[in-house]
N, C-alpha and C. Protein backbone atom coordinates (compact mmCIF):
# COMPACT_ATOMS: atom_id res chain seq x y z
N UNK A 1 6.46 -33.69 61.73
CA UNK A 1 5.73 -34.64 60.92
C UNK A 1 6.73 -35.69 60.42
N UNK A 2 6.36 -36.97 60.62
CA UNK A 2 7.26 -38.02 60.22
C UNK A 2 7.15 -38.28 58.72
N UNK A 3 8.13 -38.92 58.13
CA UNK A 3 8.14 -39.11 56.68
C UNK A 3 6.95 -39.92 56.17
N UNK A 4 6.45 -40.83 56.91
CA UNK A 4 5.31 -41.63 56.44
C UNK A 4 4.05 -40.75 56.33
N UNK A 5 3.87 -39.88 57.29
CA UNK A 5 2.71 -38.98 57.25
C UNK A 5 2.86 -37.96 56.11
N UNK A 6 4.07 -37.49 55.96
CA UNK A 6 4.31 -36.53 54.89
C UNK A 6 4.06 -37.20 53.53
N UNK A 7 4.53 -38.42 53.39
CA UNK A 7 4.34 -39.14 52.13
C UNK A 7 2.85 -39.37 51.89
N UNK A 8 2.14 -39.72 52.94
CA UNK A 8 0.70 -39.93 52.82
C UNK A 8 -0.01 -38.63 52.43
N UNK A 9 0.37 -37.52 53.05
CA UNK A 9 -0.22 -36.22 52.75
C UNK A 9 0.07 -35.81 51.31
N UNK A 10 1.31 -36.02 50.87
CA UNK A 10 1.66 -35.71 49.48
C UNK A 10 0.87 -36.58 48.50
N UNK A 11 0.65 -37.84 48.85
CA UNK A 11 -0.13 -38.75 48.02
C UNK A 11 -1.58 -38.27 47.92
N UNK A 12 -2.13 -37.83 49.03
CA UNK A 12 -3.52 -37.35 49.04
C UNK A 12 -3.64 -36.07 48.21
N UNK A 13 -2.70 -35.14 48.39
CA UNK A 13 -2.71 -33.88 47.63
C UNK A 13 -2.54 -34.18 46.14
N UNK A 14 -1.64 -35.09 45.79
CA UNK A 14 -1.42 -35.44 44.39
C UNK A 14 -2.66 -36.09 43.79
N UNK A 15 -3.26 -37.02 44.51
CA UNK A 15 -4.49 -37.67 44.03
C UNK A 15 -5.64 -36.66 43.89
N UNK A 16 -5.70 -35.72 44.82
CA UNK A 16 -6.73 -34.68 44.74
C UNK A 16 -6.50 -33.79 43.51
N UNK A 17 -5.24 -33.42 43.23
CA UNK A 17 -4.93 -32.60 42.05
C UNK A 17 -5.23 -33.35 40.77
N UNK A 18 -4.85 -34.62 40.71
CA UNK A 18 -5.14 -35.44 39.53
C UNK A 18 -6.65 -35.60 39.38
N UNK A 19 -7.34 -35.82 40.47
CA UNK A 19 -8.81 -35.94 40.43
C UNK A 19 -9.47 -34.67 39.93
N UNK A 20 -8.98 -33.52 40.43
CA UNK A 20 -9.52 -32.24 39.96
C UNK A 20 -9.23 -32.03 38.47
N UNK A 21 -8.03 -32.41 38.04
CA UNK A 21 -7.67 -32.27 36.62
C UNK A 21 -8.56 -33.15 35.75
N UNK A 22 -8.78 -34.39 36.15
CA UNK A 22 -9.66 -35.30 35.40
C UNK A 22 -11.09 -34.79 35.42
N UNK A 23 -11.54 -34.29 36.55
CA UNK A 23 -12.89 -33.73 36.64
C UNK A 23 -13.03 -32.53 35.71
N UNK A 24 -11.98 -31.73 35.65
CA UNK A 24 -12.01 -30.58 34.74
C UNK A 24 -12.08 -31.05 33.29
N UNK A 25 -11.27 -32.03 32.94
CA UNK A 25 -11.28 -32.55 31.56
C UNK A 25 -12.60 -33.21 31.20
N UNK A 26 -13.14 -34.00 32.10
CA UNK A 26 -14.31 -34.82 31.80
C UNK A 26 -15.62 -34.07 32.07
N UNK A 27 -15.68 -33.25 33.09
CA UNK A 27 -16.96 -32.64 33.47
C UNK A 27 -17.02 -31.12 33.25
N UNK A 28 -16.13 -30.40 33.86
CA UNK A 28 -16.27 -28.94 33.93
C UNK A 28 -16.12 -28.29 32.55
N UNK A 29 -15.05 -28.60 31.81
CA UNK A 29 -14.85 -27.99 30.49
C UNK A 29 -15.96 -28.37 29.51
N UNK A 30 -16.33 -29.65 29.36
CA UNK A 30 -17.41 -29.98 28.43
C UNK A 30 -18.75 -29.36 28.84
N UNK A 31 -19.04 -29.36 30.15
CA UNK A 31 -20.29 -28.75 30.60
C UNK A 31 -20.29 -27.24 30.36
N UNK A 32 -19.12 -26.60 30.54
CA UNK A 32 -19.01 -25.16 30.25
C UNK A 32 -19.25 -24.87 28.78
N UNK A 33 -18.67 -25.68 27.91
CA UNK A 33 -18.89 -25.51 26.46
C UNK A 33 -20.36 -25.74 26.12
N UNK A 34 -20.93 -26.79 26.69
CA UNK A 34 -22.34 -27.09 26.44
C UNK A 34 -23.22 -25.94 26.91
N UNK A 35 -22.89 -25.39 28.08
CA UNK A 35 -23.65 -24.26 28.64
C UNK A 35 -23.58 -23.06 27.70
N UNK A 36 -22.39 -22.72 27.22
CA UNK A 36 -22.26 -21.55 26.35
C UNK A 36 -22.93 -21.79 24.99
N UNK A 37 -22.83 -23.03 24.46
CA UNK A 37 -23.52 -23.33 23.21
C UNK A 37 -25.02 -23.21 23.37
N UNK A 38 -25.53 -23.72 24.48
CA UNK A 38 -26.97 -23.62 24.72
C UNK A 38 -27.40 -22.18 24.94
N UNK A 39 -26.58 -21.40 25.62
CA UNK A 39 -26.90 -19.98 25.82
C UNK A 39 -26.96 -19.26 24.48
N UNK A 40 -26.02 -19.55 23.60
CA UNK A 40 -26.01 -18.96 22.26
C UNK A 40 -27.25 -19.39 21.49
N UNK A 41 -27.58 -20.67 21.56
CA UNK A 41 -28.76 -21.19 20.85
C UNK A 41 -30.04 -20.57 21.40
N UNK A 42 -30.12 -20.42 22.71
CA UNK A 42 -31.31 -19.79 23.32
C UNK A 42 -31.43 -18.34 22.87
N UNK A 43 -30.32 -17.61 22.82
CA UNK A 43 -30.35 -16.22 22.36
C UNK A 43 -30.80 -16.15 20.90
N UNK A 44 -30.30 -17.08 20.07
CA UNK A 44 -30.71 -17.11 18.66
C UNK A 44 -32.19 -17.41 18.54
N UNK A 45 -32.67 -18.37 19.30
CA UNK A 45 -34.09 -18.72 19.25
C UNK A 45 -34.97 -17.57 19.75
N UNK A 46 -34.53 -16.88 20.79
CA UNK A 46 -35.30 -15.73 21.29
C UNK A 46 -35.39 -14.63 20.23
N UNK A 47 -34.25 -14.39 19.54
CA UNK A 47 -34.26 -13.39 18.46
C UNK A 47 -35.20 -13.81 17.34
N UNK A 48 -35.17 -15.10 16.97
CA UNK A 48 -36.05 -15.59 15.92
C UNK A 48 -37.51 -15.51 16.32
N UNK A 49 -37.81 -15.79 17.58
CA UNK A 49 -39.19 -15.67 18.07
C UNK A 49 -39.64 -14.21 18.01
N UNK A 50 -38.76 -13.30 18.42
CA UNK A 50 -39.11 -11.87 18.36
C UNK A 50 -39.35 -11.43 16.92
N UNK A 51 -38.49 -11.89 15.99
CA UNK A 51 -38.69 -11.55 14.57
C UNK A 51 -39.99 -12.15 14.06
N UNK A 52 -40.30 -13.37 14.47
CA UNK A 52 -41.54 -14.01 14.06
C UNK A 52 -42.77 -13.28 14.58
N UNK A 53 -42.70 -12.83 15.82
CA UNK A 53 -43.81 -12.07 16.39
C UNK A 53 -43.99 -10.74 15.67
N UNK A 54 -42.88 -10.09 15.33
CA UNK A 54 -42.97 -8.84 14.58
C UNK A 54 -43.56 -9.09 13.20
N UNK A 55 -43.19 -10.19 12.59
CA UNK A 55 -43.74 -10.54 11.28
C UNK A 55 -45.24 -10.81 11.38
N UNK A 56 -45.65 -11.49 12.43
CA UNK A 56 -47.08 -11.76 12.64
C UNK A 56 -47.83 -10.44 12.82
N UNK A 57 -47.25 -9.51 13.55
CA UNK A 57 -47.90 -8.22 13.76
C UNK A 57 -48.01 -7.43 12.46
N UNK A 58 -47.02 -7.61 11.56
CA UNK A 58 -47.03 -6.88 10.29
C UNK A 58 -47.72 -7.65 9.17
N UNK A 59 -48.28 -8.82 9.49
CA UNK A 59 -48.84 -9.70 8.46
C UNK A 59 -49.88 -8.99 7.59
N UNK A 60 -50.80 -8.32 8.20
CA UNK A 60 -51.88 -7.67 7.44
C UNK A 60 -51.32 -6.68 6.41
N UNK A 61 -50.41 -5.82 6.87
CA UNK A 61 -49.82 -4.84 5.96
C UNK A 61 -49.00 -5.49 4.86
N UNK A 62 -48.24 -6.54 5.22
CA UNK A 62 -47.45 -7.25 4.22
C UNK A 62 -48.34 -7.94 3.18
N UNK A 63 -49.41 -8.56 3.66
CA UNK A 63 -50.33 -9.22 2.72
C UNK A 63 -51.00 -8.21 1.80
N UNK A 64 -51.40 -7.07 2.37
CA UNK A 64 -52.01 -6.02 1.53
C UNK A 64 -51.03 -5.53 0.48
N UNK A 65 -49.78 -5.31 0.90
CA UNK A 65 -48.75 -4.84 -0.04
C UNK A 65 -48.49 -5.88 -1.12
N UNK A 66 -48.41 -7.16 -0.74
CA UNK A 66 -48.17 -8.23 -1.70
C UNK A 66 -49.34 -8.33 -2.69
N UNK A 67 -50.56 -8.25 -2.17
CA UNK A 67 -51.73 -8.31 -3.07
C UNK A 67 -51.74 -7.13 -4.03
N UNK A 68 -51.35 -5.95 -3.54
CA UNK A 68 -51.26 -4.78 -4.41
C UNK A 68 -50.22 -5.01 -5.51
N UNK A 69 -49.06 -5.51 -5.13
CA UNK A 69 -48.01 -5.78 -6.13
C UNK A 69 -48.46 -6.84 -7.12
N UNK A 70 -49.10 -7.88 -6.62
CA UNK A 70 -49.52 -8.97 -7.49
C UNK A 70 -50.60 -8.53 -8.48
N UNK A 71 -51.55 -7.74 -8.01
CA UNK A 71 -52.62 -7.31 -8.91
C UNK A 71 -52.20 -6.19 -9.85
N UNK A 72 -51.17 -5.43 -9.47
CA UNK A 72 -50.74 -4.30 -10.30
C UNK A 72 -49.41 -4.54 -11.00
N UNK A 73 -48.96 -5.77 -11.02
CA UNK A 73 -47.73 -6.09 -11.74
C UNK A 73 -47.98 -5.98 -13.24
N UNK A 74 -46.91 -5.82 -13.95
CA UNK A 74 -47.00 -5.74 -15.42
C UNK A 74 -47.31 -7.12 -15.98
N UNK A 75 -47.92 -7.18 -17.19
CA UNK A 75 -48.23 -8.48 -17.80
C UNK A 75 -46.96 -9.27 -18.11
N UNK A 76 -47.10 -10.58 -18.22
CA UNK A 76 -45.95 -11.44 -18.49
C UNK A 76 -45.43 -11.28 -19.91
N UNK A 77 -46.28 -11.00 -20.84
CA UNK A 77 -45.88 -10.84 -22.24
C UNK A 77 -45.00 -9.59 -22.35
N UNK A 78 -43.76 -9.72 -22.83
CA UNK A 78 -42.82 -8.58 -22.84
C UNK A 78 -43.35 -7.36 -23.59
N UNK A 79 -43.95 -7.56 -24.75
CA UNK A 79 -44.42 -6.39 -25.51
C UNK A 79 -45.58 -5.70 -24.80
N UNK A 80 -46.46 -6.48 -24.19
CA UNK A 80 -47.58 -5.88 -23.43
C UNK A 80 -47.06 -5.13 -22.21
N UNK A 81 -46.08 -5.70 -21.54
CA UNK A 81 -45.52 -5.06 -20.34
C UNK A 81 -44.86 -3.73 -20.71
N UNK A 82 -44.05 -3.74 -21.76
CA UNK A 82 -43.40 -2.50 -22.20
C UNK A 82 -44.44 -1.46 -22.59
N UNK A 83 -45.44 -1.89 -23.35
CA UNK A 83 -46.48 -0.96 -23.80
C UNK A 83 -47.23 -0.36 -22.61
N UNK A 84 -47.56 -1.20 -21.64
CA UNK A 84 -48.31 -0.70 -20.48
C UNK A 84 -47.47 0.29 -19.67
N UNK A 85 -46.19 -0.01 -19.47
CA UNK A 85 -45.33 0.90 -18.71
C UNK A 85 -45.12 2.21 -19.46
N UNK A 86 -44.88 2.13 -20.76
CA UNK A 86 -44.65 3.36 -21.52
C UNK A 86 -45.92 4.20 -21.64
N UNK A 87 -47.08 3.53 -21.76
CA UNK A 87 -48.35 4.28 -21.77
C UNK A 87 -48.57 5.00 -20.44
N UNK A 88 -48.25 4.31 -19.34
CA UNK A 88 -48.39 4.94 -18.02
C UNK A 88 -47.46 6.14 -17.91
N UNK A 89 -46.23 6.00 -18.40
CA UNK A 89 -45.28 7.13 -18.37
C UNK A 89 -45.81 8.30 -19.20
N UNK A 90 -46.36 8.00 -20.37
CA UNK A 90 -46.94 9.06 -21.20
C UNK A 90 -48.10 9.75 -20.48
N UNK A 91 -48.93 8.98 -19.80
CA UNK A 91 -50.08 9.55 -19.08
C UNK A 91 -49.59 10.42 -17.92
N UNK A 92 -48.58 9.96 -17.20
CA UNK A 92 -48.04 10.76 -16.09
C UNK A 92 -47.46 12.06 -16.62
N UNK A 93 -46.77 12.00 -17.75
CA UNK A 93 -46.18 13.20 -18.33
C UNK A 93 -47.28 14.16 -18.81
N UNK A 94 -48.28 13.62 -19.48
CA UNK A 94 -49.37 14.46 -20.00
C UNK A 94 -50.12 15.15 -18.86
N UNK A 95 -50.44 14.42 -17.81
CA UNK A 95 -51.21 15.01 -16.71
C UNK A 95 -50.38 15.97 -15.86
N UNK A 96 -49.06 15.84 -15.87
CA UNK A 96 -48.23 16.73 -15.06
C UNK A 96 -47.68 17.92 -15.84
N UNK A 97 -47.72 17.85 -17.17
CA UNK A 97 -47.17 18.93 -17.97
C UNK A 97 -45.71 18.73 -18.31
N UNK A 98 -45.12 17.61 -17.94
CA UNK A 98 -43.73 17.31 -18.28
C UNK A 98 -43.69 16.70 -19.69
N UNK A 99 -42.52 16.71 -20.28
CA UNK A 99 -42.35 16.13 -21.61
C UNK A 99 -41.29 15.03 -21.54
N UNK A 100 -41.63 13.88 -22.11
CA UNK A 100 -40.67 12.79 -22.16
C UNK A 100 -39.76 13.00 -23.36
N UNK A 101 -38.48 13.13 -23.11
CA UNK A 101 -37.50 13.39 -24.16
C UNK A 101 -36.96 12.07 -24.71
N UNK A 102 -36.70 11.13 -23.82
CA UNK A 102 -36.10 9.86 -24.24
C UNK A 102 -36.56 8.77 -23.28
N UNK A 103 -36.67 7.55 -23.80
CA UNK A 103 -37.00 6.40 -22.96
C UNK A 103 -36.36 5.16 -23.54
N UNK A 104 -35.85 4.33 -22.66
CA UNK A 104 -35.19 3.10 -23.08
C UNK A 104 -35.61 1.96 -22.16
N UNK A 105 -36.55 1.14 -22.58
CA UNK A 105 -36.91 -0.02 -21.76
C UNK A 105 -35.90 -1.16 -21.97
N UNK A 106 -35.65 -1.89 -20.91
CA UNK A 106 -34.69 -2.99 -20.99
C UNK A 106 -35.08 -4.04 -19.95
N UNK A 107 -35.05 -5.30 -20.36
CA UNK A 107 -35.41 -6.39 -19.45
C UNK A 107 -34.23 -6.78 -18.59
N UNK A 108 -34.52 -7.10 -17.33
CA UNK A 108 -33.48 -7.46 -16.38
C UNK A 108 -33.95 -8.69 -15.60
N UNK A 109 -33.07 -9.68 -15.49
CA UNK A 109 -33.34 -10.84 -14.64
C UNK A 109 -34.00 -11.98 -15.37
N UNK A 110 -33.57 -13.18 -15.02
CA UNK A 110 -34.16 -14.39 -15.57
C UNK A 110 -34.65 -15.29 -14.45
N UNK A 111 -35.05 -14.71 -13.35
CA UNK A 111 -35.51 -15.51 -12.22
C UNK A 111 -36.80 -16.22 -12.60
N UNK A 112 -37.04 -17.32 -11.95
CA UNK A 112 -38.24 -18.11 -12.23
C UNK A 112 -39.49 -17.41 -11.71
N UNK A 113 -39.38 -16.68 -10.62
CA UNK A 113 -40.56 -16.09 -9.99
C UNK A 113 -40.92 -14.70 -10.53
N UNK A 114 -39.94 -13.93 -10.96
CA UNK A 114 -40.22 -12.56 -11.41
C UNK A 114 -39.15 -12.08 -12.37
N UNK A 115 -39.49 -11.00 -13.07
CA UNK A 115 -38.54 -10.26 -13.91
C UNK A 115 -38.78 -8.78 -13.66
N UNK A 116 -37.80 -7.99 -14.03
CA UNK A 116 -37.93 -6.54 -13.90
C UNK A 116 -37.79 -5.91 -15.27
N UNK A 117 -38.69 -4.99 -15.56
CA UNK A 117 -38.60 -4.19 -16.77
C UNK A 117 -37.99 -2.86 -16.34
N UNK A 118 -36.71 -2.68 -16.65
CA UNK A 118 -36.00 -1.45 -16.29
C UNK A 118 -36.21 -0.45 -17.41
N UNK A 119 -36.58 0.76 -17.06
CA UNK A 119 -36.83 1.78 -18.06
C UNK A 119 -36.08 3.06 -17.66
N UNK A 120 -35.25 3.52 -18.56
CA UNK A 120 -34.52 4.77 -18.36
C UNK A 120 -35.32 5.87 -19.05
N UNK A 121 -35.78 6.85 -18.30
CA UNK A 121 -36.57 7.95 -18.84
C UNK A 121 -35.82 9.26 -18.69
N UNK A 122 -36.00 10.11 -19.66
CA UNK A 122 -35.50 11.47 -19.55
C UNK A 122 -36.67 12.39 -19.84
N UNK A 123 -37.02 13.20 -18.87
CA UNK A 123 -38.15 14.12 -19.01
C UNK A 123 -37.65 15.54 -18.81
N UNK A 124 -38.41 16.48 -19.34
CA UNK A 124 -38.04 17.87 -19.15
C UNK A 124 -39.28 18.66 -18.81
N UNK A 125 -39.06 19.79 -18.16
CA UNK A 125 -40.15 20.66 -17.78
C UNK A 125 -39.74 21.54 -16.62
N UNK A 126 -40.72 22.21 -16.06
CA UNK A 126 -40.46 23.06 -14.90
C UNK A 126 -40.35 22.19 -13.65
N UNK A 127 -39.90 22.80 -12.58
CA UNK A 127 -39.78 22.07 -11.32
C UNK A 127 -41.14 21.54 -10.88
N UNK A 128 -42.16 22.35 -11.05
CA UNK A 128 -43.51 21.95 -10.67
C UNK A 128 -44.00 20.75 -11.48
N UNK A 129 -43.81 20.79 -12.79
CA UNK A 129 -44.30 19.69 -13.63
C UNK A 129 -43.52 18.40 -13.36
N UNK A 130 -42.21 18.52 -13.12
CA UNK A 130 -41.41 17.32 -12.83
C UNK A 130 -41.76 16.74 -11.46
N UNK A 131 -42.07 17.61 -10.51
CA UNK A 131 -42.52 17.15 -9.20
C UNK A 131 -43.83 16.41 -9.31
N UNK A 132 -44.76 16.95 -10.09
CA UNK A 132 -46.05 16.28 -10.30
C UNK A 132 -45.86 14.95 -11.02
N UNK A 133 -44.93 14.90 -11.97
CA UNK A 133 -44.64 13.66 -12.67
C UNK A 133 -44.17 12.59 -11.69
N UNK A 134 -43.24 12.96 -10.80
CA UNK A 134 -42.74 12.01 -9.80
C UNK A 134 -43.84 11.57 -8.84
N UNK A 135 -44.69 12.51 -8.47
CA UNK A 135 -45.78 12.18 -7.57
C UNK A 135 -46.73 11.17 -8.22
N UNK A 136 -47.05 11.38 -9.48
CA UNK A 136 -47.94 10.45 -10.20
C UNK A 136 -47.28 9.07 -10.36
N UNK A 137 -45.99 9.07 -10.60
CA UNK A 137 -45.26 7.81 -10.71
C UNK A 137 -45.34 7.03 -9.40
N UNK A 138 -45.10 7.71 -8.29
CA UNK A 138 -45.10 7.05 -6.98
C UNK A 138 -46.50 6.64 -6.54
N UNK A 139 -47.51 7.43 -6.87
CA UNK A 139 -48.87 7.14 -6.41
C UNK A 139 -49.67 6.29 -7.39
N UNK A 140 -49.12 6.07 -8.58
CA UNK A 140 -49.84 5.30 -9.59
C UNK A 140 -50.07 3.86 -9.17
N UNK A 141 -50.99 3.19 -9.83
CA UNK A 141 -51.32 1.82 -9.45
C UNK A 141 -50.28 0.78 -9.89
N UNK A 142 -49.45 1.11 -10.87
CA UNK A 142 -48.50 0.12 -11.35
C UNK A 142 -47.46 -0.23 -10.29
N UNK A 143 -46.99 -1.48 -10.34
CA UNK A 143 -45.95 -1.94 -9.42
C UNK A 143 -44.59 -1.52 -9.99
N UNK A 144 -44.26 -0.24 -9.80
CA UNK A 144 -42.98 0.29 -10.27
C UNK A 144 -42.22 0.88 -9.08
N UNK A 145 -40.91 0.88 -9.24
CA UNK A 145 -40.04 1.42 -8.19
C UNK A 145 -39.05 2.38 -8.84
N UNK A 146 -38.87 3.52 -8.23
CA UNK A 146 -37.90 4.50 -8.70
C UNK A 146 -36.54 4.12 -8.14
N UNK A 147 -35.60 3.79 -9.04
CA UNK A 147 -34.27 3.36 -8.60
C UNK A 147 -33.28 4.51 -8.51
N UNK A 148 -33.27 5.38 -9.50
CA UNK A 148 -32.33 6.49 -9.46
C UNK A 148 -32.97 7.71 -10.10
N UNK A 149 -32.45 8.86 -9.71
CA UNK A 149 -33.00 10.13 -10.16
C UNK A 149 -31.84 11.10 -10.33
N UNK A 150 -31.90 11.86 -11.44
CA UNK A 150 -30.86 12.84 -11.71
C UNK A 150 -31.56 14.10 -12.23
N UNK A 151 -31.31 15.23 -11.60
CA UNK A 151 -31.94 16.49 -11.97
C UNK A 151 -30.88 17.45 -12.48
N UNK A 152 -31.11 17.99 -13.70
CA UNK A 152 -30.14 18.91 -14.31
C UNK A 152 -30.89 20.14 -14.83
N UNK A 153 -30.23 21.26 -14.78
CA UNK A 153 -30.79 22.50 -15.30
C UNK A 153 -30.39 22.66 -16.77
N UNK A 154 -31.36 23.07 -17.60
CA UNK A 154 -31.08 23.26 -19.02
C UNK A 154 -30.85 24.72 -19.38
N UNK A 155 -31.15 25.63 -18.47
CA UNK A 155 -30.90 27.05 -18.74
C UNK A 155 -30.30 27.68 -17.48
N UNK A 156 -29.64 28.83 -17.65
CA UNK A 156 -28.95 29.45 -16.51
C UNK A 156 -29.90 29.84 -15.37
N UNK A 157 -31.14 30.18 -15.68
CA UNK A 157 -32.09 30.61 -14.64
C UNK A 157 -32.68 29.41 -13.91
N UNK A 158 -32.57 28.23 -14.45
CA UNK A 158 -33.10 27.03 -13.81
C UNK A 158 -34.59 26.83 -13.98
N UNK A 159 -35.16 27.46 -15.01
CA UNK A 159 -36.60 27.30 -15.24
C UNK A 159 -36.92 26.02 -16.00
N UNK A 160 -36.02 25.62 -16.88
CA UNK A 160 -36.19 24.37 -17.62
C UNK A 160 -35.23 23.33 -17.06
N UNK A 161 -35.80 22.26 -16.56
CA UNK A 161 -35.01 21.21 -15.94
C UNK A 161 -35.16 19.91 -16.72
N UNK A 162 -34.15 19.09 -16.61
CA UNK A 162 -34.21 17.75 -17.19
C UNK A 162 -34.09 16.76 -16.04
N UNK A 163 -34.96 15.78 -16.06
CA UNK A 163 -35.01 14.78 -15.01
C UNK A 163 -34.70 13.42 -15.62
N UNK A 164 -33.61 12.83 -15.20
CA UNK A 164 -33.25 11.48 -15.64
C UNK A 164 -33.69 10.48 -14.58
N UNK A 165 -34.48 9.50 -14.98
CA UNK A 165 -35.02 8.52 -14.04
C UNK A 165 -34.69 7.11 -14.48
N UNK A 166 -34.55 6.25 -13.54
CA UNK A 166 -34.49 4.83 -13.83
C UNK A 166 -35.55 4.17 -12.97
N UNK A 167 -36.57 3.59 -13.62
CA UNK A 167 -37.64 2.93 -12.88
C UNK A 167 -37.65 1.45 -13.25
N UNK A 168 -38.11 0.66 -12.31
CA UNK A 168 -38.24 -0.78 -12.52
C UNK A 168 -39.70 -1.17 -12.35
N UNK A 169 -40.21 -1.90 -13.33
CA UNK A 169 -41.57 -2.43 -13.25
C UNK A 169 -41.50 -3.92 -12.96
N UNK A 170 -42.38 -4.38 -12.09
CA UNK A 170 -42.39 -5.77 -11.67
C UNK A 170 -43.24 -6.62 -12.61
N UNK A 171 -42.67 -7.75 -13.05
CA UNK A 171 -43.40 -8.74 -13.86
C UNK A 171 -43.31 -10.06 -13.11
N UNK A 172 -44.45 -10.55 -12.62
CA UNK A 172 -44.47 -11.82 -11.90
C UNK A 172 -44.68 -12.95 -12.89
N UNK A 173 -43.84 -13.94 -12.81
CA UNK A 173 -43.95 -15.11 -13.67
C UNK A 173 -44.76 -16.17 -12.93
N UNK A 174 -46.01 -16.33 -13.31
CA UNK A 174 -46.82 -17.37 -12.69
C UNK A 174 -46.61 -18.67 -13.43
N UNK A 175 -46.51 -19.78 -12.71
CA UNK A 175 -46.27 -21.06 -13.39
C UNK A 175 -47.44 -21.43 -14.29
N UNK A 176 -47.11 -22.06 -15.41
CA UNK A 176 -48.15 -22.48 -16.35
C UNK A 176 -48.95 -23.62 -15.72
N UNK A 177 -50.26 -23.60 -15.93
CA UNK A 177 -51.12 -24.63 -15.37
C UNK A 177 -51.14 -25.83 -16.30
N UNK A 178 -51.01 -27.05 -15.74
CA UNK A 178 -50.96 -28.24 -16.59
C UNK A 178 -52.32 -28.58 -17.18
């Protein structure tokens, strides 16, 4: 191969390498990034669509649960809310045979949409009566949630038990009408 042909071949190979490098910089790398970004976005959108479809399928149950909470929430007036929750606790204790030893209501949260009335209860009784008390609390119409539970024995045989509970009652703050 003569030097002119070799020089021409080297020039073609060099131009081809430079062309490939520029094509990589201008086309291949940006298109690869765009492809991966779009793939990520498509995966995110598919997940959101699946979550939306699941939400649509659960709509009826969610609406029923929300309506139950809204209609059975505690009154907005703090004294009425405390009175209603404590009366319900007294009724649950009376019907189950448990005895309320101590109770401490306390307000929690300053959110615009809702507040929680936290109540620390201490009840005593047999295992059966405390179980019935918990069952009435869970099945009752009030919008309350059991946050914590502590069970202690008051005698060596375990016949008298003390149940420490922390329950939260829901108070929905509806906006005042003009």
